[in-house]
Amino acid sequence: MAALQGTKVSVGEEQLVRAIDRAIKALEGPSTMFEMQMHEATKTIMVKVINKDTGELIREIPPEKTLDLVAKMMEFAGILIDERI
């Protein structure tokens, strides 16, 4: 397992993340920058488009709030399954 910004990922996942990072850097414009993070609970990669001048979040794909909701639903489903067994 390799570590990428404190998160343990497989070598294949690390290569994928690096390829995506290169593609994102190629897409950045003069007034925007991209930031890539992994949502810890769902292990989903999030991309944020940020205004370079103000630091304002322009867009987030997928939205972190959505991933938080999915994580809570997964947790809730796990609780229900644990209680039935």
N, C-alpha and C. Protein backbone atom coordinates (compact mmCIF):
# COMPACT_ATOMS: atom_id res chain seq x y z
N MET A 1 0.84 -1.19 0.00
CA MET A 1 0.00 0.00 0.00
C MET A 1 0.87 1.24 0.00
N ALA A 2 0.53 2.20 -0.82
CA ALA A 2 1.24 3.47 -0.85
C ALA A 2 0.41 4.51 -0.12
N ALA A 3 1.06 5.54 0.37
CA ALA A 3 0.34 6.62 1.06
C ALA A 3 0.32 7.84 0.16
N LEU A 4 -0.83 8.44 0.02
CA LEU A 4 -1.01 9.63 -0.80
C LEU A 4 -1.71 10.66 0.07
N GLN A 5 -0.98 11.68 0.50
CA GLN A 5 -1.49 12.73 1.38
C GLN A 5 -2.14 12.16 2.62
N GLY A 6 -1.48 11.18 3.25
CA GLY A 6 -1.96 10.64 4.51
C GLY A 6 -3.02 9.55 4.39
N THR A 7 -3.47 9.25 3.18
CA THR A 7 -4.48 8.23 2.96
C THR A 7 -3.81 7.01 2.34
N LYS A 8 -4.06 5.82 2.88
CA LYS A 8 -3.47 4.62 2.31
C LYS A 8 -4.28 4.17 1.10
N VAL A 9 -3.58 4.02 -0.02
CA VAL A 9 -4.22 3.58 -1.25
C VAL A 9 -3.32 2.54 -1.90
N SER A 10 -3.89 1.73 -2.77
CA SER A 10 -3.09 0.74 -3.49
C SER A 10 -2.26 1.44 -4.56
N VAL A 11 -1.28 0.73 -5.09
CA VAL A 11 -0.41 1.31 -6.12
C VAL A 11 -1.25 1.70 -7.35
N GLY A 12 -2.21 0.86 -7.74
CA GLY A 12 -3.07 1.18 -8.88
C GLY A 12 -3.90 2.43 -8.64
N GLU A 13 -4.44 2.57 -7.42
CA GLU A 13 -5.21 3.78 -7.09
C GLU A 13 -4.32 5.00 -7.10
N GLU A 14 -3.08 4.85 -6.61
CA GLU A 14 -2.15 5.98 -6.60
C GLU A 14 -1.83 6.42 -8.02
N GLN A 15 -1.64 5.47 -8.93
CA GLN A 15 -1.37 5.80 -10.33
C GLN A 15 -2.57 6.52 -10.94
N LEU A 16 -3.77 6.07 -10.62
CA LEU A 16 -4.98 6.70 -11.12
C LEU A 16 -5.09 8.13 -10.62
N VAL A 17 -4.84 8.33 -9.33
CA VAL A 17 -4.91 9.66 -8.74
C VAL A 17 -3.89 10.58 -9.40
N ARG A 18 -2.68 10.08 -9.63
CA ARG A 18 -1.64 10.90 -10.26
C ARG A 18 -2.03 11.27 -11.70
N ALA A 19 -2.64 10.33 -12.44
CA ALA A 19 -3.08 10.62 -13.81
C ALA A 19 -4.19 11.67 -13.81
N ILE A 20 -5.11 11.55 -12.89
CA ILE A 20 -6.19 12.54 -12.78
C ILE A 20 -5.62 13.90 -12.41
N ASP A 21 -4.64 13.91 -11.50
CA ASP A 21 -4.01 15.16 -11.09
C ASP A 21 -3.34 15.85 -12.27
N ARG A 22 -2.66 15.08 -13.11
CA ARG A 22 -2.02 15.66 -14.31
C ARG A 22 -3.08 16.24 -15.25
N ALA A 23 -4.19 15.54 -15.43
CA ALA A 23 -5.25 16.02 -16.30
C ALA A 23 -5.87 17.30 -15.75
N ILE A 24 -6.06 17.35 -14.46
CA ILE A 24 -6.64 18.53 -13.82
C ILE A 24 -5.72 19.73 -14.00
N LYS A 25 -4.43 19.53 -13.81
CA LYS A 25 -3.49 20.64 -13.97
C LYS A 25 -3.50 21.16 -15.41
N ALA A 26 -3.73 20.28 -16.37
CA ALA A 26 -3.79 20.70 -17.77
C ALA A 26 -5.05 21.53 -18.05
N LEU A 27 -6.11 21.33 -17.26
CA LEU A 27 -7.37 22.04 -17.46
C LEU A 27 -7.46 23.37 -16.73
N GLU A 28 -6.58 23.60 -15.77
CA GLU A 28 -6.66 24.83 -14.98
C GLU A 28 -6.51 26.05 -15.87
N GLY A 29 -7.32 27.05 -15.59
CA GLY A 29 -7.28 28.29 -16.34
C GLY A 29 -6.53 29.37 -15.57
N PRO A 30 -6.48 30.58 -16.14
CA PRO A 30 -5.76 31.66 -15.47
C PRO A 30 -6.41 32.11 -14.16
N SER A 31 -7.71 31.90 -14.02
CA SER A 31 -8.39 32.38 -12.81
C SER A 31 -8.96 31.25 -11.95
N THR A 32 -8.76 30.00 -12.37
CA THR A 32 -9.28 28.88 -11.59
C THR A 32 -8.19 27.87 -11.31
N MET A 33 -8.38 27.14 -10.23
CA MET A 33 -7.51 26.02 -9.92
C MET A 33 -8.37 24.86 -9.44
N PHE A 34 -7.84 23.67 -9.56
CA PHE A 34 -8.56 22.48 -9.16
C PHE A 34 -7.88 21.87 -7.96
N GLU A 35 -8.66 21.31 -7.07
CA GLU A 35 -8.15 20.61 -5.90
C GLU A 35 -8.82 19.26 -5.87
N MET A 36 -8.05 18.22 -5.61
CA MET A 36 -8.59 16.87 -5.58
C MET A 36 -8.41 16.31 -4.18
N GLN A 37 -9.49 15.71 -3.64
CA GLN A 37 -9.45 15.11 -2.31
C GLN A 37 -10.20 13.79 -2.35
N MET A 38 -9.90 12.94 -1.39
CA MET A 38 -10.66 11.71 -1.24
C MET A 38 -11.59 11.87 -0.04
N HIS A 39 -12.87 11.61 -0.25
CA HIS A 39 -13.85 11.64 0.84
C HIS A 39 -13.61 10.39 1.67
N GLU A 40 -13.22 10.58 2.92
CA GLU A 40 -12.79 9.47 3.77
C GLU A 40 -13.85 8.39 3.95
N ALA A 41 -15.07 8.77 4.24
CA ALA A 41 -16.10 7.79 4.57
C ALA A 41 -16.51 6.93 3.38
N THR A 42 -16.57 7.52 2.19
CA THR A 42 -17.03 6.78 1.02
C THR A 42 -15.90 6.37 0.08
N LYS A 43 -14.68 6.86 0.34
CA LYS A 43 -13.51 6.59 -0.50
C LYS A 43 -13.76 7.05 -1.94
N THR A 44 -14.48 8.14 -2.10
CA THR A 44 -14.78 8.72 -3.40
C THR A 44 -13.89 9.93 -3.64
N ILE A 45 -13.39 10.07 -4.85
CA ILE A 45 -12.55 11.22 -5.19
C ILE A 45 -13.45 12.42 -5.50
N MET A 46 -13.14 13.55 -4.86
CA MET A 46 -13.87 14.79 -5.09
C MET A 46 -12.94 15.77 -5.79
N VAL A 47 -13.50 16.54 -6.72
CA VAL A 47 -12.75 17.59 -7.40
C VAL A 47 -13.42 18.92 -7.09
N LYS A 48 -12.62 19.89 -6.65
CA LYS A 48 -13.13 21.21 -6.35
C LYS A 48 -12.54 22.21 -7.34
N VAL A 49 -13.39 23.08 -7.88
CA VAL A 49 -12.94 24.18 -8.73
C VAL A 49 -12.94 25.43 -7.87
N ILE A 50 -11.78 26.07 -7.75
CA ILE A 50 -11.61 27.19 -6.83
C ILE A 50 -11.12 28.42 -7.59
N ASN A 51 -11.66 29.59 -7.25
CA ASN A 51 -11.21 30.86 -7.81
C ASN A 51 -9.83 31.16 -7.23
N LYS A 52 -8.81 31.31 -8.09
CA LYS A 52 -7.44 31.54 -7.62
C LYS A 52 -7.31 32.85 -6.85
N ASP A 53 -8.04 33.87 -7.27
CA ASP A 53 -7.90 35.19 -6.66
C ASP A 53 -8.54 35.28 -5.29
N THR A 54 -9.75 34.73 -5.15
CA THR A 54 -10.50 34.88 -3.90
C THR A 54 -10.48 33.63 -3.03
N GLY A 55 -10.12 32.49 -3.58
CA GLY A 55 -10.17 31.24 -2.83
C GLY A 55 -11.58 30.68 -2.71
N GLU A 56 -12.53 31.32 -3.38
CA GLU A 56 -13.94 30.91 -3.33
C GLU A 56 -14.15 29.60 -4.08
N LEU A 57 -14.95 28.71 -3.47
CA LEU A 57 -15.31 27.45 -4.10
C LEU A 57 -16.34 27.73 -5.19
N ILE A 58 -16.01 27.38 -6.43
CA ILE A 58 -16.92 27.60 -7.55
C ILE A 58 -17.82 26.38 -7.75
N ARG A 59 -17.22 25.20 -7.75
CA ARG A 59 -17.97 23.96 -7.96
C ARG A 59 -17.24 22.82 -7.29
N GLU A 60 -18.02 21.82 -6.87
CA GLU A 60 -17.49 20.64 -6.22
C GLU A 60 -18.15 19.42 -6.85
N ILE A 61 -17.35 18.49 -7.34
CA ILE A 61 -17.89 17.33 -8.04
C ILE A 61 -17.32 16.06 -7.43
N PRO A 62 -18.12 15.15 -6.92
CA PRO A 62 -19.49 15.33 -6.48
C PRO A 62 -19.51 16.20 -5.23
N PRO A 63 -20.65 16.82 -4.94
CA PRO A 63 -20.73 17.69 -3.76
C PRO A 63 -20.44 16.92 -2.47
N GLU A 64 -19.63 17.52 -1.60
CA GLU A 64 -19.26 16.87 -0.35
C GLU A 64 -20.48 16.59 0.52
N LYS A 65 -21.47 17.48 0.50
CA LYS A 65 -22.69 17.25 1.28
C LYS A 65 -23.39 15.98 0.83
N THR A 66 -23.39 15.72 -0.47
CA THR A 66 -24.01 14.51 -1.00
C THR A 66 -23.27 13.28 -0.50
N LEU A 67 -21.93 13.34 -0.55
CA LEU A 67 -21.13 12.21 -0.07
C LEU A 67 -21.31 11.99 1.43
N ASP A 68 -21.45 13.09 2.19
CA ASP A 68 -21.72 12.96 3.63
C ASP A 68 -23.05 12.25 3.86
N LEU A 69 -24.06 12.59 3.05
CA LEU A 69 -25.37 11.96 3.16
C LEU A 69 -25.27 10.47 2.81
N VAL A 70 -24.53 10.14 1.76
CA VAL A 70 -24.34 8.74 1.37
C VAL A 70 -23.65 7.97 2.50
N ALA A 71 -22.65 8.58 3.11
CA ALA A 71 -21.93 7.93 4.21
C ALA A 71 -22.87 7.67 5.38
N LYS A 72 -23.72 8.65 5.70
CA LYS A 72 -24.68 8.46 6.80
C LYS A 72 -25.67 7.34 6.46
N MET A 73 -26.11 7.28 5.20
CA MET A 73 -27.04 6.22 4.78
C MET A 73 -26.36 4.85 4.89
N MET A 74 -25.06 4.79 4.49
CA MET A 74 -24.32 3.54 4.59
C MET A 74 -24.18 3.13 6.06
N GLU A 75 -23.90 4.11 6.91
CA GLU A 75 -23.78 3.84 8.35
C GLU A 75 -25.10 3.35 8.91
N PHE A 76 -26.19 4.01 8.53
CA PHE A 76 -27.52 3.63 9.01
C PHE A 76 -27.88 2.23 8.55
N ALA A 77 -27.60 1.92 7.27
CA ALA A 77 -27.89 0.59 6.74
C ALA A 77 -27.07 -0.46 7.48
N GLY A 78 -25.82 -0.13 7.81
CA GLY A 78 -24.99 -1.05 8.57
C GLY A 78 -25.53 -1.30 9.96
N ILE A 79 -26.06 -0.26 10.58
CA ILE A 79 -26.65 -0.39 11.90
C ILE A 79 -27.87 -1.30 11.84
N LEU A 80 -28.71 -1.12 10.81
CA LEU A 80 -29.90 -1.97 10.67
C LEU A 80 -29.51 -3.43 10.45
N ILE A 81 -28.50 -3.66 9.64
CA ILE A 81 -28.07 -5.03 9.39
C ILE A 81 -27.50 -5.65 10.65
N ASP A 82 -26.69 -4.90 11.39
CA ASP A 82 -26.12 -5.41 12.64
C ASP A 82 -27.20 -5.78 13.65
N GLU A 83 -28.28 -4.98 13.71
CA GLU A 83 -29.34 -5.24 14.67
C GLU A 83 -30.17 -6.47 14.28
N ARG A 84 -30.28 -6.79 13.01
CA ARG A 84 -31.10 -7.92 12.59
C ARG A 84 -30.37 -9.24 12.79
N ILE A 85 -29.06 -9.22 12.83
CA ILE A 85 -28.30 -10.47 12.94
C ILE A 85 -28.25 -10.97 14.35
